[in-house]
Amino acid sequence: MIVFDDLTKRYGELLAVSGLSLTVSPGEVYAILGANGAGKTTALRCLATLLRPTTGRAAVAGFDSSSEPLEVRRRLGFLAASMGLYERLTPREVLAYFAGLQGMDDAAADQRIDELIERFDLRAFSRRLCGTLSTGQRQRVSIARAIVHDPPALVLDEPTLGLDVLSGETIHRFVAESRERGKAVLFSTHTMSEVELLADRVGILAAGRLVSEGTIPEVLARAEESSLSRAFLKIVRGAA
């Protein structure tokens, strides 16, 4: 469903991502880990059609992110690390606007918006301006916006950054439910407990390269460590 095939991204002399190859299957949650500057967000932005790879490719459901960006966007829900909501719109208006961008007719959009308002418990503030919402409330609106078209693939870039425990738990339940519904989920995080709770497989990036990949037990065994945090540090330091 989600494929990176030898993807490389350069910014002049800076090599941000180098020869990245990985796949995420339907019904799988894949966590991509790395220190700041390792290339995680750059890789995810290439997949989401926000950046063009220098070489190689990224694809969703067989559609290339560079040559078929509209087809990719129809099949991908992308939650960025920064919550860029329109502050003078209400959550309901934001969802209606993005449903329209996805080509949904009014009746289908209204039904879907009602479902999402209930699913993410937005009703109490669905008609307030987004600029007045808390961080947790804004993140729930951002997730609903990303999946208003019910895409088969999801990319979540640090989805729980800055959230309290209750808001973070809402995100965790959403990821688990997405797996159960057969979605392919690729997410980045710095929180190892989140990875241990959610991920079927893990990929570790260092200096733009994929330096370790596998299930958590496989990664731990390869690093000869008993915790994911220690394994991550050992792998990243060893790749330096």
C-alpha atoms as a PDB file:
ATOM      1  CA  MET A   1       0.000   0.000   0.000  1.00  0.00           C
ATOM      2  CA  ILE A   2       2.784   2.462   0.991  1.00  0.00           C
ATOM      3  CA  VAL A   3       6.100   2.043  -0.813  1.00  0.00           C
ATOM      4  CA  PHE A   4       9.439   3.855  -0.727  1.00  0.00           C
ATOM      5  CA  ASP A   5      11.726   2.585  -3.479  1.00  0.00           C
ATOM      6  CA  ASP A   6      15.353   3.753  -3.222  1.00  0.00           C
ATOM      7  CA  LEU A   7      14.146   7.282  -2.430  1.00  0.00           C
ATOM      8  CA  THR A   8      16.791   9.986  -2.106  1.00  0.00           C
ATOM      9  CA  LYS A   9      16.238  13.665  -1.363  1.00  0.00           C
ATOM     10  CA  ARG A  10      18.968  16.304  -1.549  1.00  0.00           C
ATOM     11  CA  TYR A  11      18.931  19.983  -0.693  1.00  0.00           C
ATOM     12  CA  GLY A  12      21.999  21.157  -2.579  1.00  0.00           C
ATOM     13  CA  GLU A  13      24.933  19.492  -0.832  1.00  0.00           C
ATOM     14  CA  LEU A  14      22.779  18.270   2.055  1.00  0.00           C
ATOM     15  CA  LEU A  15      21.698  14.639   1.739  1.00  0.00           C
ATOM     16  CA  ALA A  16      18.456  14.494   3.738  1.00  0.00           C
ATOM     17  CA  VAL A  17      17.286  10.992   2.746  1.00  0.00           C
ATOM     18  CA  SER A  18      19.524   8.362   1.150  1.00  0.00           C
ATOM     19  CA  GLY A  19      18.235   5.308  -0.732  1.00  0.00           C
ATOM     20  CA  LEU A  20      15.217   4.711   1.487  1.00  0.00           C
ATOM     21  CA  SER A  21      13.283   1.529   0.689  1.00  0.00           C
ATOM     22  CA  LEU A  22      10.421   0.223   2.829  1.00  0.00           C
ATOM     23  CA  THR A  23       6.826  -0.945   2.508  1.00  0.00           C
ATOM     24  CA  VAL A  24       3.742  -0.735   4.708  1.00  0.00           C
ATOM     25  CA  SER A  25       1.007  -3.272   3.997  1.00  0.00           C
ATOM     26  CA  PRO A  26      -2.759  -2.916   4.539  1.00  0.00           C
ATOM     27  CA  GLY A  27      -3.595  -3.584   8.186  1.00  0.00           C
ATOM     28  CA  GLU A  28      -0.056  -2.773   9.335  1.00  0.00           C
ATOM     29  CA  VAL A  29       1.273  -0.025  11.606  1.00  0.00           C
ATOM     30  CA  TYR A  30       4.877   0.933  10.848  1.00  0.00           C
ATOM     31  CA  ALA A  31       6.812   3.322  13.102  1.00  0.00           C
ATOM     32  CA  ILE A  32       9.684   5.299  11.625  1.00  0.00           C
ATOM     33  CA  LEU A  33      12.195   6.440  14.249  1.00  0.00           C
ATOM     34  CA  GLY A  34      15.181   8.728  14.165  1.00  0.00           C
ATOM     35  CA  ALA A  35      16.850  11.616  15.923  1.00  0.00           C
ATOM     36  CA  ASN A  36      16.029  15.167  14.861  1.00  0.00           C
ATOM     37  CA  GLY A  37      17.433  15.713  11.380  1.00  0.00           C
ATOM     38  CA  ALA A  38      17.505  11.999  10.514  1.00  0.00           C
ATOM     39  CA  GLY A  39      15.220  12.527   7.515  1.00  0.00           C
ATOM     40  CA  LYS A  40      11.867  11.273   8.845  1.00  0.00           C
ATOM     41  CA  THR A  41       9.761  14.316   8.024  1.00  0.00           C
ATOM     42  CA  THR A  42      11.459  14.794   4.655  1.00  0.00           C
ATOM     43  CA  ALA A  43      10.646  11.214   3.667  1.00  0.00           C
ATOM     44  CA  LEU A  44       7.030  11.562   4.808  1.00  0.00           C
ATOM     45  CA  ARG A  45       6.639  14.826   2.911  1.00  0.00           C
ATOM     46  CA  CYS A  46       7.912  13.162  -0.251  1.00  0.00           C
ATOM     47  CA  LEU A  47       5.270  10.475   0.136  1.00  0.00           C
ATOM     48  CA  ALA A  48       2.568  13.082   0.783  1.00  0.00           C
ATOM     49  CA  THR A  49       3.453  14.914  -2.499  1.00  0.00           C
ATOM     50  CA  LEU A  50       4.715  17.999  -0.633  1.00  0.00           C
ATOM     51  CA  LEU A  51       8.300  17.416  -1.796  1.00  0.00           C
ATOM     52  CA  ARG A  52       9.693  15.785  -4.937  1.00  0.00           C
ATOM     53  CA  PRO A  53      12.355  13.107  -4.461  1.00  0.00           C
ATOM     54  CA  THR A  54      15.709  13.796  -6.070  1.00  0.00           C
ATOM     55  CA  THR A  55      15.839  10.162  -7.196  1.00  0.00           C
ATOM     56  CA  GLY A  56      13.805   7.041  -6.472  1.00  0.00           C
ATOM     57  CA  ARG A  57      10.113   7.064  -5.744  1.00  0.00           C
ATOM     58  CA  ALA A  58       7.365   6.969  -3.160  1.00  0.00           C
ATOM     59  CA  ALA A  59       3.938   5.521  -3.919  1.00  0.00           C
ATOM     60  CA  VAL A  60       0.526   4.861  -2.395  1.00  0.00           C
ATOM     61  CA  ALA A  61      -1.663   2.054  -3.759  1.00  0.00           C
ATOM     62  CA  GLY A  62       0.547   1.907  -6.833  1.00  0.00           C
ATOM     63  CA  PHE A  63       0.349   5.624  -7.624  1.00  0.00           C
ATOM     64  CA  ASP A  64       3.579   7.598  -7.799  1.00  0.00           C
ATOM     65  CA  SER A  65       3.784  10.663  -5.542  1.00  0.00           C
ATOM     66  CA  SER A  66       5.668  12.693  -8.153  1.00  0.00           C
ATOM     67  CA  SER A  67       3.884  11.803 -11.394  1.00  0.00           C
ATOM     68  CA  GLU A  68       0.393  11.089  -9.973  1.00  0.00           C
ATOM     69  CA  PRO A  69       0.059  13.396  -6.953  1.00  0.00           C
ATOM     70  CA  LEU A  70      -3.728  13.822  -7.136  1.00  0.00           C
ATOM     71  CA  GLU A  71      -4.259  10.064  -7.125  1.00  0.00           C
ATOM     72  CA  VAL A  72      -1.956   9.762  -4.097  1.00  0.00           C
ATOM     73  CA  ARG A  73      -3.819  12.505  -2.227  1.00  0.00           C
ATOM     74  CA  ARG A  74      -7.130  10.749  -2.838  1.00  0.00           C
ATOM     75  CA  ARG A  75      -5.779   7.660  -1.087  1.00  0.00           C
ATOM     76  CA  LEU A  76      -3.671   9.215   1.656  1.00  0.00           C
ATOM     77  CA  GLY A  77      -4.492  10.926   4.934  1.00  0.00           C
ATOM     78  CA  PHE A  78      -1.562  13.080   6.067  1.00  0.00           C
ATOM     79  CA  LEU A  79      -1.275  14.552   9.549  1.00  0.00           C
ATOM     80  CA  ALA A  80       1.639  16.982   9.744  1.00  0.00           C
ATOM     81  CA  ALA A  81       3.581  17.721  12.911  1.00  0.00           C
ATOM     82  CA  SER A  82       2.298  21.313  12.850  1.00  0.00           C
ATOM     83  CA  MET A  83      -1.464  21.779  13.146  1.00  0.00           C
ATOM     84  CA  GLY A  84      -2.218  24.319  10.415  1.00  0.00           C
ATOM     85  CA  LEU A  85      -5.950  24.855  10.940  1.00  0.00           C
ATOM     86  CA  TYR A  86      -7.786  27.880   9.602  1.00  0.00           C
ATOM     87  CA  GLU A  87      -8.275  29.810  12.814  1.00  0.00           C
ATOM     88  CA  ARG A  88     -11.332  31.758  11.602  1.00  0.00           C
ATOM     89  CA  LEU A  89     -13.219  28.615  10.601  1.00  0.00           C
ATOM     90  CA  THR A  90     -15.033  26.241  12.917  1.00  0.00           C
ATOM     91  CA  PRO A  91     -14.119  22.525  12.978  1.00  0.00           C
ATOM     92  CA  ARG A  92     -17.292  21.737  11.027  1.00  0.00           C
ATOM     93  CA  GLU A  93     -16.387  24.332   8.389  1.00  0.00           C
ATOM     94  CA  VAL A  94     -12.823  22.987   8.143  1.00  0.00           C
ATOM     95  CA  LEU A  95     -14.111  19.457   7.579  1.00  0.00           C
ATOM     96  CA  ALA A  96     -16.638  20.646   4.994  1.00  0.00           C
ATOM     97  CA  TYR A  97     -13.952  22.571   3.127  1.00  0.00           C
ATOM     98  CA  PHE A  98     -11.596  19.593   2.932  1.00  0.00           C
ATOM     99  CA  ALA A  99     -14.431  17.244   1.995  1.00  0.00           C
ATOM    100  CA  GLY A 100     -15.118  19.567  -0.919  1.00  0.00           C
ATOM    101  CA  LEU A 101     -11.455  19.487  -1.948  1.00  0.00           C
ATOM    102  CA  GLN A 102     -11.729  15.684  -2.053  1.00  0.00           C
ATOM    103  CA  GLY A 103     -14.708  15.914  -4.394  1.00  0.00           C
ATOM    104  CA  MET A 104     -17.321  14.668  -1.931  1.00  0.00           C
ATOM    105  CA  ASP A 105     -20.910  15.735  -2.636  1.00  0.00           C
ATOM    106  CA  ASP A 106     -22.795  17.645   0.047  1.00  0.00           C
ATOM    107  CA  ALA A 107     -24.861  14.705   1.308  1.00  0.00           C
ATOM    108  CA  ALA A 108     -21.874  12.361   1.628  1.00  0.00           C
ATOM    109  CA  ALA A 109     -19.791  15.113   3.212  1.00  0.00           C
ATOM    110  CA  ASP A 110     -22.475  15.949   5.797  1.00  0.00           C
ATOM    111  CA  GLN A 111     -22.812  12.292   6.786  1.00  0.00           C
ATOM    112  CA  ARG A 112     -19.059  11.817   7.034  1.00  0.00           C
ATOM    113  CA  ILE A 113     -18.597  15.021   9.050  1.00  0.00           C
ATOM    114  CA  ASP A 114     -21.264  13.928  11.533  1.00  0.00           C
ATOM    115  CA  GLU A 115     -19.487  10.563  11.894  1.00  0.00           C
ATOM    116  CA  LEU A 116     -16.138  12.232  12.550  1.00  0.00           C
ATOM    117  CA  ILE A 117     -17.585  14.726  15.028  1.00  0.00           C
ATOM    118  CA  GLU A 118     -18.948  11.808  17.038  1.00  0.00           C
ATOM    119  CA  ARG A 119     -15.833   9.644  16.575  1.00  0.00           C
ATOM    120  CA  PHE A 120     -13.439  12.299  17.867  1.00  0.00           C
ATOM    121  CA  ASP A 121     -15.850  13.871  20.372  1.00  0.00           C
ATOM    122  CA  LEU A 122     -15.870  17.272  18.655  1.00  0.00           C
ATOM    123  CA  ARG A 123     -19.525  18.181  19.187  1.00  0.00           C
ATOM    124  CA  ALA A 124     -18.978  20.462  22.193  1.00  0.00           C
ATOM    125  CA  PHE A 125     -16.731  22.755  20.158  1.00  0.00           C
ATOM    126  CA  SER A 126     -17.646  21.932  16.553  1.00  0.00           C
ATOM    127  CA  ARG A 127     -19.051  25.441  15.998  1.00  0.00           C
ATOM    128  CA  ARG A 128     -16.321  27.374  17.818  1.00  0.00           C
ATOM    129  CA  LEU A 129     -13.515  29.038  15.880  1.00  0.00           C
ATOM    130  CA  CYS A 130     -10.439  26.825  15.607  1.00  0.00           C
ATOM    131  CA  GLY A 131      -8.307  29.689  16.877  1.00  0.00           C
ATOM    132  CA  THR A 132      -9.977  29.343  20.297  1.00  0.00           C
ATOM    133  CA  LEU A 133      -9.363  25.590  20.707  1.00  0.00           C
ATOM    134  CA  SER A 134      -6.847  23.852  22.965  1.00  0.00           C
ATOM    135  CA  THR A 135      -3.895  21.891  21.577  1.00  0.00           C
ATOM    136  CA  GLY A 136      -5.650  18.564  22.129  1.00  0.00           C
ATOM    137  CA  GLN A 137      -8.874  19.791  20.544  1.00  0.00           C
ATOM    138  CA  ARG A 138      -6.992  21.146  17.522  1.00  0.00           C
ATOM    139  CA  GLN A 139      -5.180  17.839  17.065  1.00  0.00           C
ATOM    140  CA  ARG A 140      -8.454  15.908  17.053  1.00  0.00           C
ATOM    141  CA  VAL A 141      -9.814  18.279  14.417  1.00  0.00           C
ATOM    142  CA  SER A 142      -6.601  17.860  12.405  1.00  0.00           C
ATOM    143  CA  ILE A 143      -6.964  14.071  12.396  1.00  0.00           C
ATOM    144  CA  ALA A 144     -10.604  14.300  11.352  1.00  0.00           C
ATOM    145  CA  ARG A 145      -9.608  16.660   8.544  1.00  0.00           C
ATOM    146  CA  ALA A 146      -6.884  14.268   7.359  1.00  0.00           C
ATOM    147  CA  ILE A 147      -9.286  11.322   7.074  1.00  0.00           C
ATOM    148  CA  VAL A 148     -12.473  13.070   5.958  1.00  0.00           C
ATOM    149  CA  HIS A 149     -12.283  11.118   2.661  1.00  0.00           C
ATOM    150  CA  ASP A 150     -11.669   7.788   4.491  1.00  0.00           C
ATOM    151  CA  PRO A 151      -8.344   7.007   2.766  1.00  0.00           C
ATOM    152  CA  PRO A 152      -6.760   3.526   2.816  1.00  0.00           C
ATOM    153  CA  ALA A 153      -3.317   4.852   3.833  1.00  0.00           C
ATOM    154  CA  LEU A 154      -2.377   7.171   6.709  1.00  0.00           C
ATOM    155  CA  VAL A 155       0.808   9.108   7.460  1.00  0.00           C
ATOM    156  CA  LEU A 156       1.061  10.609  10.940  1.00  0.00           C
ATOM    157  CA  ASP A 157       4.068  12.815  11.669  1.00  0.00           C
ATOM    158  CA  GLU A 158       4.530  12.970  15.466  1.00  0.00           C
ATOM    159  CA  PRO A 159       0.759  12.778  16.086  1.00  0.00           C
ATOM    160  CA  THR A 160       0.920  13.069  19.892  1.00  0.00           C
ATOM    161  CA  LEU A 161       3.531  15.838  20.139  1.00  0.00           C
ATOM    162  CA  GLY A 162       2.567  18.239  22.928  1.00  0.00           C
ATOM    163  CA  LEU A 163      -0.624  16.397  23.859  1.00  0.00           C
ATOM    164  CA  ASP A 164      -1.790  15.430  27.343  1.00  0.00           C
ATOM    165  CA  VAL A 165      -2.359  11.799  28.303  1.00  0.00           C
ATOM    166  CA  LEU A 166      -6.086  11.783  27.450  1.00  0.00           C
ATOM    167  CA  SER A 167      -5.608  13.389  24.046  1.00  0.00           C
ATOM    168  CA  GLY A 168      -2.713  11.051  23.312  1.00  0.00           C
ATOM    169  CA  GLU A 169      -4.854   8.052  24.200  1.00  0.00           C
ATOM    170  CA  THR A 170      -7.445   9.206  21.654  1.00  0.00           C
ATOM    171  CA  ILE A 171      -4.746   9.084  18.971  1.00  0.00           C
ATOM    172  CA  HIS A 172      -3.615   5.632  20.108  1.00  0.00           C
ATOM    173  CA  ARG A 173      -7.149   4.255  19.857  1.00  0.00           C
ATOM    174  CA  PHE A 174      -7.534   5.783  16.412  1.00  0.00           C
ATOM    175  CA  VAL A 175      -4.323   4.125  15.165  1.00  0.00           C
ATOM    176  CA  ALA A 176      -5.371   0.741  16.570  1.00  0.00           C
ATOM    177  CA  GLU A 177      -8.822   1.036  14.998  1.00  0.00           C
ATOM    178  CA  SER A 178      -7.285   2.021  11.660  1.00  0.00           C
ATOM    179  CA  ARG A 179      -5.201  -1.155  11.697  1.00  0.00           C
ATOM    180  CA  GLU A 180      -8.320  -3.209  12.436  1.00  0.00           C
ATOM    181  CA  ARG A 181     -10.032  -1.601   9.441  1.00  0.00           C
ATOM    182  CA  GLY A 182      -7.176  -2.632   7.163  1.00  0.00           C
ATOM    183  CA  LYS A 183      -5.511   0.757   6.793  1.00  0.00           C
ATOM    184  CA  ALA A 184      -1.785   1.057   6.167  1.00  0.00           C
ATOM    185  CA  VAL A 185      -0.408   3.390   8.860  1.00  0.00           C
ATOM    186  CA  LEU A 186       3.046   4.987   8.815  1.00  0.00           C
ATOM    187  CA  PHE A 187       3.901   7.208  11.761  1.00  0.00           C
ATOM    188  CA  SER A 188       6.910   8.960  13.222  1.00  0.00           C
ATOM    189  CA  THR A 189       7.466   9.574  16.914  1.00  0.00           C
ATOM    190  CA  HIS A 190      10.133  10.081  19.564  1.00  0.00           C
ATOM    191  CA  THR A 191       8.062   8.245  22.190  1.00  0.00           C
ATOM    192  CA  MET A 192       9.257   4.654  22.495  1.00  0.00           C
ATOM    193  CA  SER A 193       6.325   3.549  24.655  1.00  0.00           C
ATOM    194  CA  GLU A 194       4.050   4.618  21.816  1.00  0.00           C
ATOM    195  CA  VAL A 195       5.999   2.442  19.383  1.00  0.00           C
ATOM    196  CA  GLU A 196       5.858  -0.548  21.718  1.00  0.00           C
ATOM    197  CA  LEU A 197       2.108  -0.077  22.107  1.00  0.00           C
ATOM    198  CA  LEU A 198       1.178   0.417  18.459  1.00  0.00           C
ATOM    199  CA  ALA A 199       3.786  -0.690  15.939  1.00  0.00           C
ATOM    200  CA  ASP A 200       3.880  -3.985  14.058  1.00  0.00           C
ATOM    201  CA  ARG A 201       7.252  -3.069  12.558  1.00  0.00           C
ATOM    202  CA  VAL A 202       9.886  -0.414  13.137  1.00  0.00           C
ATOM    203  CA  GLY A 203      12.351   1.351  10.877  1.00  0.00           C
ATOM    204  CA  ILE A 204      15.242   3.371  12.310  1.00  0.00           C
ATOM    205  CA  LEU A 205      16.771   6.215  10.297  1.00  0.00           C
ATOM    206  CA  ALA A 206      20.201   7.727  10.885  1.00  0.00           C
ATOM    207  CA  ALA A 207      21.647  10.451   8.645  1.00  0.00           C
ATOM    208  CA  GLY A 208      18.896   9.777   6.122  1.00  0.00           C
ATOM    209  CA  ARG A 209      19.559   6.032   5.851  1.00  0.00           C
ATOM    210  CA  LEU A 210      17.444   3.119   7.050  1.00  0.00           C
ATOM    211  CA  VAL A 211      19.881   1.401   9.401  1.00  0.00           C
ATOM    212  CA  SER A 212      17.593  -1.148  11.076  1.00  0.00           C
ATOM    213  CA  GLU A 213      14.154  -2.573  10.369  1.00  0.00           C
ATOM    214  CA  GLY A 214      11.917  -5.326  11.694  1.00  0.00           C
ATOM    215  CA  THR A 215       9.497  -6.236  14.423  1.00  0.00           C
ATOM    216  CA  ILE A 216      10.375  -4.930  17.873  1.00  0.00           C
ATOM    217  CA  PRO A 217      11.688  -8.350  19.009  1.00  0.00           C
ATOM    218  CA  GLU A 218      13.836  -8.539  15.854  1.00  0.00           C
ATOM    219  CA  VAL A 219      15.276  -5.062  16.407  1.00  0.00           C
ATOM    220  CA  LEU A 220      16.002  -5.831  20.066  1.00  0.00           C
ATOM    221  CA  ALA A 221      17.678  -9.137  19.218  1.00  0.00           C
ATOM    222  CA  ARG A 222      19.813  -7.571  16.522  1.00  0.00           C
ATOM    223  CA  ALA A 223      20.969  -4.841  18.914  1.00  0.00           C
ATOM    224  CA  GLU A 224      21.332  -7.298  21.817  1.00  0.00           C
ATOM    225  CA  GLU A 225      19.311  -5.011  24.060  1.00  0.00           C
ATOM    226  CA  SER A 226      16.231  -5.542  26.234  1.00  0.00           C
ATOM    227  CA  SER A 227      14.522  -2.177  25.701  1.00  0.00           C
ATOM    228  CA  LEU A 228      13.652  -0.301  22.531  1.00  0.00           C
ATOM    229  CA  SER A 229      15.141   2.944  23.862  1.00  0.00           C
ATOM    230  CA  ARG A 230      18.526   1.319  24.467  1.00  0.00           C
ATOM    231  CA  ALA A 231      18.396  -0.525  21.154  1.00  0.00           C
ATOM    232  CA  PHE A 232      17.590   2.721  19.337  1.00  0.00           C
ATOM    233  CA  LEU A 233      20.519   4.566  20.947  1.00  0.00           C
ATOM    234  CA  LYS A 234      22.923   1.711  20.206  1.00  0.00           C
ATOM    235  CA  ILE A 235      21.843   1.427  16.573  1.00  0.00           C
ATOM    236  CA  VAL A 236      21.938   5.178  15.896  1.00  0.00           C
ATOM    237  CA  ARG A 237      25.328   5.639  17.596  1.00  0.00           C
ATOM    238  CA  GLY A 238      26.710   2.650  15.726  1.00  0.00           C
ATOM    239  CA  ALA A 239      25.612   4.164  12.425  1.00  0.00           C
ATOM    240  CA  ALA A 240      27.321   7.504  13.084  1.00  0.00           C
END
